C-alpha atoms as a PDB file:
ATOM      1  CA  MET A   1      -5.247 -26.535  -3.154  1.00  0.00           C
ATOM      2  CA  ALA A   2      -2.285 -29.159  -4.040  1.00  0.00           C
ATOM      3  CA  ASN A   3      -1.684 -31.589  -0.905  1.00  0.00           C
ATOM      4  CA  VAL A   4       1.227 -30.914   1.295  1.00  0.00           C
ATOM      5  CA  GLN A   5       3.429 -33.799   2.361  1.00  0.00           C
ATOM      6  CA  SER A   6       5.411 -33.383   5.510  1.00  0.00           C
ATOM      7  CA  ARG A   7       8.395 -31.216   4.969  1.00  0.00           C
ATOM      8  CA  GLN A   8      10.753 -29.348   7.136  1.00  0.00           C
ATOM      9  CA  ASP A   9       9.402 -26.362   9.318  1.00  0.00           C
ATOM     10  CA  ALA A  10      10.517 -22.826   8.553  1.00  0.00           C
ATOM     11  CA  ILE A  11      11.000 -21.160  12.251  1.00  0.00           C
ATOM     12  CA  ILE A  12      11.926 -17.351  12.983  1.00  0.00           C
ATOM     13  CA  ASN A  13      12.090 -16.900  16.546  1.00  0.00           C
ATOM     14  CA  GLY A  14      14.063 -13.526  16.485  1.00  0.00           C
ATOM     15  CA  SER A  15      14.668 -11.958  13.055  1.00  0.00           C
ATOM     16  CA  GLY A  16      15.449 -13.587   9.863  1.00  0.00           C
ATOM     17  CA  THR A  17      14.014 -14.171   6.165  1.00  0.00           C
ATOM     18  CA  ILE A  18      12.738 -17.360   4.916  1.00  0.00           C
ATOM     19  CA  GLY A  19      12.918 -18.323   0.867  1.00  0.00           C
ATOM     20  CA  THR A  20      10.854 -19.406  -1.884  1.00  0.00           C
ATOM     21  CA  GLY A  21       9.821 -22.988  -1.021  1.00  0.00           C
ATOM     22  CA  ARG A  22       7.705 -25.896   0.264  1.00  0.00           C
ATOM     23  CA  TYR A  23       7.392 -26.426   3.832  1.00  0.00           C
ATOM     24  CA  ASP A  24       5.519 -28.271   6.607  1.00  0.00           C
ATOM     25  CA  ASP A  25       4.751 -25.279   9.092  1.00  0.00           C
ATOM     26  CA  VAL A  26       6.052 -21.718   8.967  1.00  0.00           C
ATOM     27  CA  LYS A  27       6.010 -20.007  12.443  1.00  0.00           C
ATOM     28  CA  ILE A  28       7.330 -16.706  12.990  1.00  0.00           C
ATOM     29  CA  SER A  29       7.159 -15.443  16.736  1.00  0.00           C
ATOM     30  CA  GLY A  30       9.994 -12.596  16.200  1.00  0.00           C
ATOM     31  CA  SER A  31      10.221 -10.192  12.994  1.00  0.00           C
ATOM     32  CA  GLY A  32      10.614 -12.554   9.660  1.00  0.00           C
ATOM     33  CA  ARG A  33      10.211 -11.484   6.159  1.00  0.00           C
ATOM     34  CA  ILE A  34       9.091 -14.538   3.386  1.00  0.00           C
ATOM     35  CA  LEU A  35      10.937 -13.522   0.241  1.00  0.00           C
ATOM     36  CA  GLY A  36       8.885 -15.395  -2.550  1.00  0.00           C
ATOM     37  CA  ASP A  37       5.894 -17.895  -2.868  1.00  0.00           C
ATOM     38  CA  ILE A  38       5.444 -20.471  -0.383  1.00  0.00           C
ATOM     39  CA  LEU A  39       3.395 -23.847  -0.242  1.00  0.00           C
ATOM     40  CA  CYS A  40       2.787 -25.106   3.266  1.00  0.00           C
ATOM     41  CA  HIS A  41       0.719 -26.850   5.844  1.00  0.00           C
ATOM     42  CA  GLU A  42       0.186 -23.807   8.463  1.00  0.00           C
ATOM     43  CA  VAL A  43       1.460 -20.368   8.737  1.00  0.00           C
ATOM     44  CA  LYS A  44       1.355 -19.149  12.113  1.00  0.00           C
ATOM     45  CA  VAL A  45       2.281 -15.605  13.101  1.00  0.00           C
ATOM     46  CA  SER A  46       2.763 -14.342  16.554  1.00  0.00           C
ATOM     47  CA  GLY A  47       5.175 -11.910  15.815  1.00  0.00           C
ATOM     48  CA  SER A  48       5.580  -9.684  12.922  1.00  0.00           C
ATOM     49  CA  ALA A  49       5.878 -10.931   9.222  1.00  0.00           C
ATOM     50  CA  LYS A  50       5.929  -9.729   5.671  1.00  0.00           C
ATOM     51  CA  PHE A  51       5.193 -11.988   2.678  1.00  0.00           C
ATOM     52  CA  ASN A  52       6.324 -10.961  -0.567  1.00  0.00           C
ATOM     53  CA  GLY A  53       4.930 -13.600  -2.688  1.00  0.00           C
ATOM     54  CA  LYS A  54       1.980 -15.785  -3.076  1.00  0.00           C
ATOM     55  CA  VAL A  55       0.918 -18.063   0.466  1.00  0.00           C
ATOM     56  CA  GLU A  56      -0.718 -21.274  -0.093  1.00  0.00           C
ATOM     57  CA  THR A  57      -1.506 -22.913   2.966  1.00  0.00           C
ATOM     58  CA  GLU A  58      -4.058 -25.300   4.916  1.00  0.00           C
ATOM     59  CA  TYR A  59      -4.318 -22.843   7.706  1.00  0.00           C
ATOM     60  CA  PHE A  60      -3.371 -19.209   8.059  1.00  0.00           C
ATOM     61  CA  ASN A  61      -3.074 -18.289  11.886  1.00  0.00           C
ATOM     62  CA  CYS A  62      -2.070 -14.544  12.954  1.00  0.00           C
ATOM     63  CA  SER A  63      -2.148 -13.250  16.608  1.00  0.00           C
ATOM     64  CA  GLY A  64       0.590 -10.774  15.565  1.00  0.00           C
ATOM     65  CA  SER A  65       0.972  -8.561  12.567  1.00  0.00           C
ATOM     66  CA  ALA A  66       0.935  -9.964   8.917  1.00  0.00           C
ATOM     67  CA  LYS A  67       1.492  -8.074   5.638  1.00  0.00           C
ATOM     68  CA  CYS A  68       1.017 -10.196   2.540  1.00  0.00           C
ATOM     69  CA  LEU A  69       1.818  -8.456  -0.760  1.00  0.00           C
ATOM     70  CA  SER A  70       0.610 -10.844  -2.814  1.00  0.00           C
ATOM     71  CA  ASP A  71      -2.676 -13.814  -2.991  1.00  0.00           C
ATOM     72  CA  VAL A  72      -3.481 -15.631  -0.091  1.00  0.00           C
ATOM     73  CA  GLU A  73      -5.187 -19.057  -0.518  1.00  0.00           C
ATOM     74  CA  ALA A  74      -6.078 -21.027   3.031  1.00  0.00           C
ATOM     75  CA  LYS A  75      -8.625 -23.656   3.819  1.00  0.00           C
ATOM     76  CA  LYS A  76      -8.951 -22.049   7.419  1.00  0.00           C
ATOM     77  CA  MET A  77      -8.211 -18.448   8.382  1.00  0.00           C
ATOM     78  CA  ASN A  78      -7.717 -16.868  11.679  1.00  0.00           C
ATOM     79  CA  VAL A  79      -6.722 -13.120  12.396  1.00  0.00           C
ATOM     80  CA  SER A  80      -7.072 -12.426  15.911  1.00  0.00           C
ATOM     81  CA  GLY A  81      -4.252  -9.797  15.495  1.00  0.00           C
ATOM     82  CA  SER A  82      -3.729  -7.441  12.529  1.00  0.00           C
ATOM     83  CA  ALA A  83      -3.625  -8.544   8.769  1.00  0.00           C
ATOM     84  CA  SER A  84      -3.093  -6.792   5.653  1.00  0.00           C
ATOM     85  CA  ILE A  85      -3.423  -8.536   2.117  1.00  0.00           C
ATOM     86  CA  ASP A  86      -2.948  -6.774  -1.158  1.00  0.00           C
ATOM     87  CA  GLY A  87      -3.623  -9.563  -3.320  1.00  0.00           C
ATOM     88  CA  LYS A  88      -6.822 -11.863  -3.459  1.00  0.00           C
ATOM     89  CA  VAL A  89      -7.952 -14.137  -0.817  1.00  0.00           C
ATOM     90  CA  SER A  90      -9.292 -17.659  -1.503  1.00  0.00           C
ATOM     91  CA  GLY A  91     -10.406 -20.568   0.200  1.00  0.00           C
ATOM     92  CA  GLY A  92     -12.515 -21.922   3.097  1.00  0.00           C
ATOM     93  CA  ASP A  93     -13.141 -20.632   6.241  1.00  0.00           C
ATOM     94  CA  VAL A  94     -12.207 -16.884   7.497  1.00  0.00           C
ATOM     95  CA  ASN A  95     -12.351 -15.882  11.184  1.00  0.00           C
ATOM     96  CA  ILE A  96     -11.797 -12.163  12.131  1.00  0.00           C
ATOM     97  CA  SER A  97     -11.847 -11.350  15.688  1.00  0.00           C
ATOM     98  CA  GLY A  98      -8.731  -8.651  14.927  1.00  0.00           C
ATOM     99  CA  SER A  99      -8.122  -6.245  12.234  1.00  0.00           C
ATOM    100  CA  PHE A 100      -8.221  -7.506   8.599  1.00  0.00           C
ATOM    101  CA  LYS A 101      -7.925  -5.493   5.187  1.00  0.00           C
ATOM    102  CA  THR A 102      -7.554  -6.552   1.923  1.00  0.00           C
ATOM    103  CA  LYS A 103      -7.070  -4.677  -1.557  1.00  0.00           C
ATOM    104  CA  GLY A 104      -8.312  -7.781  -3.675  1.00  0.00           C
ATOM    105  CA  ASP A 105     -11.387  -9.643  -4.076  1.00  0.00           C
ATOM    106  CA  LEU A 106     -12.272 -12.431  -1.415  1.00  0.00           C
ATOM    107  CA  ASN A 107     -13.941 -15.604  -2.836  1.00  0.00           C
ATOM    108  CA  VAL A 108     -14.021 -17.981   0.092  1.00  0.00           C
ATOM    109  CA  GLN A 109     -16.813 -20.708   2.056  1.00  0.00           C
ATOM    110  CA  SER A 110     -17.581 -18.170   5.141  1.00  0.00           C
ATOM    111  CA  ILE A 111     -16.565 -15.142   6.639  1.00  0.00           C
ATOM    112  CA  HIS A 112     -17.083 -14.405  10.414  1.00  0.00           C
ATOM    113  CA  VAL A 113     -16.240 -11.240  11.789  1.00  0.00           C
ATOM    114  CA  SER A 114     -16.367  -9.885  15.277  1.00  0.00           C
ATOM    115  CA  GLY A 115     -13.590  -7.555  14.677  1.00  0.00           C
ATOM    116  CA  SER A 116     -12.891  -5.277  11.947  1.00  0.00           C
ATOM    117  CA  MET A 117     -12.757  -5.972   8.106  1.00  0.00           C
ATOM    118  CA  LYS A 118     -12.139  -3.144   5.327  1.00  0.00           C
ATOM    119  CA  THR A 119     -11.701  -4.434   1.742  1.00  0.00           C
ATOM    120  CA  THR A 120     -11.511  -2.549  -1.544  1.00  0.00           C
ATOM    121  CA  GLY A 121     -12.674  -5.618  -3.273  1.00  0.00           C
ATOM    122  CA  LEU A 122     -15.729  -7.744  -4.344  1.00  0.00           C
ATOM    123  CA  VAL A 123     -16.881 -10.187  -1.032  1.00  0.00           C
ATOM    124  CA  LYS A 124     -17.973 -13.597  -2.034  1.00  0.00           C
ATOM    125  CA  ALA A 125     -19.155 -16.380   0.456  1.00  0.00           C
ATOM    126  CA  GLU A 126     -21.548 -18.878   0.985  1.00  0.00           C
ATOM    127  CA  VAL A 127     -22.126 -17.406   4.549  1.00  0.00           C
ATOM    128  CA  ILE A 128     -21.366 -14.047   5.844  1.00  0.00           C
ATOM    129  CA  ASN A 129     -21.749 -13.198   9.592  1.00  0.00           C
ATOM    130  CA  ILE A 130     -20.806  -9.522  10.849  1.00  0.00           C
ATOM    131  CA  LYS A 131     -20.832  -9.158  15.160  1.00  0.00           C
ATOM    132  CA  GLY A 132     -18.348  -6.117  14.354  1.00  0.00           C
ATOM    133  CA  SER A 133     -17.477  -3.795  11.307  1.00  0.00           C
ATOM    134  CA  LEU A 134     -17.614  -4.309   7.677  1.00  0.00           C
ATOM    135  CA  SER A 135     -16.558  -2.066   5.069  1.00  0.00           C
ATOM    136  CA  THR A 136     -16.388  -2.774   1.630  1.00  0.00           C
ATOM    137  CA  GLU A 137     -15.537  -0.748  -1.794  1.00  0.00           C
ATOM    138  CA  LYS A 138     -17.533  -3.125  -4.235  1.00  0.00           C
ATOM    139  CA  GLY A 139     -20.236  -4.940  -2.171  1.00  0.00           C
ATOM    140  CA  SER A 140     -20.936  -8.473  -1.553  1.00  0.00           C
ATOM    141  CA  GLU A 141     -22.603 -11.701  -2.978  1.00  0.00           C
ATOM    142  CA  CYS A 142     -23.466 -14.701  -0.416  1.00  0.00           C
ATOM    143  CA  GLU A 143     -26.343 -17.063   0.080  1.00  0.00           C
ATOM    144  CA  VAL A 144     -26.955 -15.693   3.704  1.00  0.00           C
ATOM    145  CA  PHE A 145     -25.864 -12.557   5.185  1.00  0.00           C
ATOM    146  CA  THR A 146     -26.354 -11.823   9.150  1.00  0.00           C
ATOM    147  CA  ALA A 147     -24.836  -8.754  10.694  1.00  0.00           C
ATOM    148  CA  LYS A 148     -25.387  -7.084  14.167  1.00  0.00           C
ATOM    149  CA  GLY A 149     -22.643  -4.251  13.701  1.00  0.00           C
ATOM    150  CA  HIS A 150     -21.458  -1.388  11.497  1.00  0.00           C
ATOM    151  CA  LEU A 151     -21.891  -1.853   7.850  1.00  0.00           C
ATOM    152  CA  SER A 152     -20.268   0.579   4.897  1.00  0.00           C
ATOM    153  CA  MET A 153     -20.709  -0.697   1.293  1.00  0.00           C
ATOM    154  CA  ASN A 154     -20.384   1.080  -2.018  1.00  0.00           C
ATOM    155  CA  GLY A 155     -21.860  -1.690  -3.913  1.00  0.00           C
ATOM    156  CA  LEU A 156     -24.514  -3.979  -4.165  1.00  0.00           C
ATOM    157  CA  LEU A 157     -25.260  -6.488  -1.246  1.00  0.00           C
ATOM    158  CA  ASN A 158     -26.617  -9.655  -3.056  1.00  0.00           C
ATOM    159  CA  ALA A 159     -28.077 -12.322  -0.744  1.00  0.00           C
ATOM    160  CA  GLU A 160     -30.679 -14.803  -0.489  1.00  0.00           C
ATOM    161  CA  ASN A 161     -31.571 -14.145   3.052  1.00  0.00           C
ATOM    162  CA  VAL A 162     -30.690 -10.953   4.820  1.00  0.00           C
ATOM    163  CA  LYS A 163     -30.845  -9.903   8.300  1.00  0.00           C
ATOM    164  CA  ILE A 164     -29.332  -6.733   9.721  1.00  0.00           C
ATOM    165  CA  THR A 165     -29.422  -5.489  13.498  1.00  0.00           C
ATOM    166  CA  HIS A 166     -28.011  -2.245  13.467  1.00  0.00           C
ATOM    167  CA  GLY A 167     -27.614   0.575  15.822  1.00  0.00           C
ATOM    168  CA  GLY A 168     -26.194  -0.729  18.915  1.00  0.00           C
ATOM    169  CA  TYR A 169     -22.658  -1.369  17.563  1.00  0.00           C
ATOM    170  CA  SER A 170     -22.719   1.917  15.155  1.00  0.00           C
ATOM    171  CA  TYR A 171     -22.419   5.148  17.091  1.00  0.00           C
ATOM    172  CA  HIS A 172     -18.627   5.477  16.624  1.00  0.00           C
ATOM    173  CA  SER A 173     -19.276   5.640  13.046  1.00  0.00           C
ATOM    174  CA  GLY A 174     -22.560   6.850  12.349  1.00  0.00           C
ATOM    175  CA  PHE A 175     -25.197   5.301  10.007  1.00  0.00           C
ATOM    176  CA  SER A 176     -24.639   2.287   8.639  1.00  0.00           C
ATOM    177  CA  TYR A 177     -25.034   2.457   4.915  1.00  0.00           C
ATOM    178  CA  ILE A 178     -25.356   0.296   1.969  1.00  0.00           C
ATOM    179  CA  PRO A 179     -26.621   1.662  -1.241  1.00  0.00           C
ATOM    180  CA  GLU A 180     -28.236  -1.416  -2.859  1.00  0.00           C
ATOM    181  CA  ILE A 181     -29.997  -4.599  -1.107  1.00  0.00           C
ATOM    182  CA  GLY A 182     -31.367  -7.322  -3.080  1.00  0.00           C
ATOM    183  CA  GLY A 183     -32.487 -10.870  -1.815  1.00  0.00           C
ATOM    184  CA  GLU A 184     -35.305 -13.058  -1.180  1.00  0.00           C
ATOM    185  CA  THR A 185     -36.167 -12.274   2.636  1.00  0.00           C
ATOM    186  CA  ILE A 186     -34.753  -9.237   3.836  1.00  0.00           C
ATOM    187  CA  GLU A 187     -35.156  -8.031   7.418  1.00  0.00           C
ATOM    188  CA  ILE A 188     -33.663  -4.923   8.721  1.00  0.00           C
ATOM    189  CA  SER A 189     -34.256  -3.974  12.566  1.00  0.00           C
ATOM    190  CA  ARG A 190     -32.582  -1.904  15.373  1.00  0.00           C
ATOM    191  CA  PHE A 191     -30.946  -3.384  18.190  1.00  0.00           C
ATOM    192  CA  ASP A 192     -33.192  -4.775  21.114  1.00  0.00           C
ATOM    193  CA  GLU A 193     -34.226  -1.923  23.093  1.00  0.00           C
ATOM    194  CA  SER A 194     -35.553  -4.269  26.243  1.00  0.00           C
ATOM    195  CA  ASN A 195     -32.021  -4.155  27.318  1.00  0.00           C
ATOM    196  CA  VAL A 196     -31.396  -1.208  29.720  1.00  0.00           C
ATOM    197  CA  PHE A 197     -28.010  -0.071  28.319  1.00  0.00           C
ATOM    198  CA  SER A 198     -29.600  -0.473  24.738  1.00  0.00           C
ATOM    199  CA  ARG A 199     -32.480   1.902  25.790  1.00  0.00           C
ATOM    200  CA  LEU A 200     -29.957   4.458  27.333  1.00  0.00           C
ATOM    201  CA  PHE A 201     -28.144   4.359  23.818  1.00  0.00           C
ATOM    202  CA  THR A 202     -31.274   5.236  22.384  1.00  0.00           C
ATOM    203  CA  LYS A 203     -31.990   8.259  24.283  1.00  0.00           C
ATOM    204  CA  ILE A 204     -28.504   9.656  23.697  1.00  0.00           C
ATOM    205  CA  PHE A 205     -28.224   8.602  20.412  1.00  0.00           C
ATOM    206  CA  ASN A 206     -31.369   8.550  18.768  1.00  0.00           C
ATOM    207  CA  ASN A 207     -30.976  10.861  15.652  1.00  0.00           C
ATOM    208  CA  ARG A 208     -28.033   8.355  14.754  1.00  0.00           C
ATOM    209  CA  THR A 209     -29.634   5.205  14.755  1.00  0.00           C
ATOM    210  CA  ASN A 210     -31.393   4.649  11.148  1.00  0.00           C
ATOM    211  CA  PHE A 211     -29.980   2.376   8.774  1.00  0.00           C
ATOM    212  CA  LYS A 212     -29.576   4.101   5.363  1.00  0.00           C
ATOM    213  CA  ALA A 213     -30.234   2.598   2.135  1.00  0.00           C
ATOM    214  CA  ASP A 214     -30.748   3.465  -1.675  1.00  0.00           C
ATOM    215  CA  VAL A 215     -32.788   0.462  -3.214  1.00  0.00           C
ATOM    216  CA  ILE A 216     -34.092  -2.246  -1.262  1.00  0.00           C
ATOM    217  CA  GLU A 217     -35.641  -5.250  -2.977  1.00  0.00           C
ATOM    218  CA  GLY A 218     -36.790  -8.592  -2.310  1.00  0.00           C
ATOM    219  CA  SER A 219     -39.686 -11.016  -2.050  1.00  0.00           C
ATOM    220  CA  ALA A 220     -40.464 -10.404   1.565  1.00  0.00           C
ATOM    221  CA  VAL A 221     -39.094  -7.291   2.870  1.00  0.00           C
ATOM    222  CA  LYS A 222     -39.595  -6.216   6.720  1.00  0.00           C
ATOM    223  CA  ILE A 223     -37.841  -3.250   7.836  1.00  0.00           C
ATOM    224  CA  ASP A 224     -37.887  -0.449  10.838  1.00  0.00           C
ATOM    225  CA  TYR A 225     -35.623   2.305  11.620  1.00  0.00           C
ATOM    226  CA  THR A 226     -34.728   2.540   7.878  1.00  0.00           C
ATOM    227  CA  THR A 227     -33.992   5.389   5.709  1.00  0.00           C
ATOM    228  CA  ALA A 228     -34.281   4.528   1.875  1.00  0.00           C
ATOM    229  CA  SER A 229     -35.381   6.014  -1.402  1.00  0.00           C
ATOM    230  CA  VAL A 230     -37.162   3.034  -2.449  1.00  0.00           C
ATOM    231  CA  VAL A 231     -38.615  -0.442  -1.266  1.00  0.00           C
ATOM    232  CA  ARG A 232     -39.729  -3.114  -3.240  1.00  0.00           C
ATOM    233  CA  GLY A 233     -41.178  -6.488  -2.834  1.00  0.00           C
ATOM    234  CA  ASP A 234     -43.825  -8.769  -3.053  1.00  0.00           C
ATOM    235  CA  ALA A 235     -45.043  -8.347   0.735  1.00  0.00           C
ATOM    236  CA  VAL A 236     -43.330  -5.440   2.335  1.00  0.00           C
ATOM    237  CA  THR A 237     -43.564  -4.288   5.950  1.00  0.00           C
ATOM    238  CA  ILE A 238     -42.670  -0.769   6.761  1.00  0.00           C
ATOM    239  CA  GLY A 239     -41.967  -0.613  10.746  1.00  0.00           C
ATOM    240  CA  GLN A 240     -41.192   2.324  13.074  1.00  0.00           C
ATOM    241  CA  LYS A 241     -39.468   5.368  12.269  1.00  0.00           C
ATOM    242  CA  CYS A 242     -38.842   4.423   8.864  1.00  0.00           C
ATOM    243  CA  VAL A 243     -38.642   7.208   6.019  1.00  0.00           C
ATOM    244  CA  ILE A 244     -39.278   6.064   2.876  1.00  0.00           C
ATOM    245  CA  ASP A 245     -39.634   7.789  -0.571  1.00  0.00           C
ATOM    246  CA  LEU A 246     -41.193   5.158  -2.629  1.00  0.00           C
ATOM    247  CA  VAL A 247     -42.874   1.668  -1.613  1.00  0.00           C
ATOM    248  CA  GLU A 248     -43.737  -0.568  -4.368  1.00  0.00           C
ATOM    249  CA  TYR A 249     -45.345  -3.881  -3.930  1.00  0.00           C
ATOM    250  CA  ARG A 250     -47.040  -6.793  -5.323  1.00  0.00           C
ATOM    251  CA  GLU A 251     -49.102  -8.584  -3.164  1.00  0.00           C
ATOM    252  CA  ASP A 252     -49.377  -6.860   0.367  1.00  0.00           C
ATOM    253  CA  VAL A 253     -48.037  -3.608   2.373  1.00  0.00           C
ATOM    254  CA  GLN A 254     -48.376  -2.790   5.963  1.00  0.00           C
ATOM    255  CA  ILE A 255     -47.036   0.709   7.031  1.00  0.00           C
ATOM    256  CA  HIS A 256     -46.554   1.446  10.804  1.00  0.00           C
ATOM    257  CA  PRO A 257     -48.208   4.864  11.775  1.00  0.00           C
ATOM    258  CA  SER A 258     -45.060   6.465  12.803  1.00  0.00           C
ATOM    259  CA  ALA A 259     -43.247   5.786   9.421  1.00  0.00           C
ATOM    260  CA  LYS A 260     -43.041   8.311   6.821  1.00  0.00           C
ATOM    261  CA  VAL A 261     -43.488   7.345   3.138  1.00  0.00           C
ATOM    262  CA  LYS A 262     -44.154   9.419   0.579  1.00  0.00           C
ATOM    263  CA  ASP A 263     -45.562   7.382  -2.138  1.00  0.00           C
ATOM    264  CA  VAL A 264     -46.998   3.898  -2.318  1.00  0.00           C
ATOM    265  CA  LYS A 265     -47.562   2.089  -5.704  1.00  0.00           C
ATOM    266  CA  LYS A 266     -49.055  -1.360  -6.685  1.00  0.00           C
ATOM    267  CA  LEU A 267     -47.227  -3.189  -9.045  1.00  0.00           C
ATOM    268  CA  GLU A 268     -48.528  -5.894 -11.631  1.00  0.00           C
ATOM    269  CA  LEU A 269     -48.258  -9.273 -10.620  1.00  0.00           C
END
């Protein structure tokens, strides 16, 4: 990202437009339309804004409603309201506590979602942390993936370390589902049953709390309350209430008595 020197602010308090250009801060607390590409230090939307061109900024903060028709590049992005981006998203840290939708790929440093994120693109980041809802059409690539919420992917989740806690947040949308998971260490577990509300949830929605996948493959795999076609790894632990068609292992396998596994095969080292 190019350095942005101090320039005049572009501010809309009521209703207005902002032209293509370079600015210091772009602030919209009313209803605004940005006509073309902008380069600035900060974008702050507390009202309603429509960006027709590319947005290149140090900070992108949206507590209102923002619609971006092109690419967005930001070192830090915070969305506590609602943001929709038709283009690609690139840059640094992305924090979502509201609603965030994108049509293009995301290539950033980190993603933290405590609200809702939905994208039809591929998601790439070093760290992805989900405590709300994540839906992707092309999967995700990262170093560390942690999730305590609802997950829906149509592509591969590829990460060095995967830790998914499912069930407690997903009853509104049914099963969490990822077709294929690949990584070094993979741990999939259900939410903590020691909490009284969690126990009540289990009794009411017990038939909905399994995590679903087609293929799970890693070096060390430990799962429970998971339904999958194939689980493959060096050391594999199949925990409570799992339903697995085929388990393939190289070094060690452990299967809980409550799990249902159709076939187990030892692979050559």
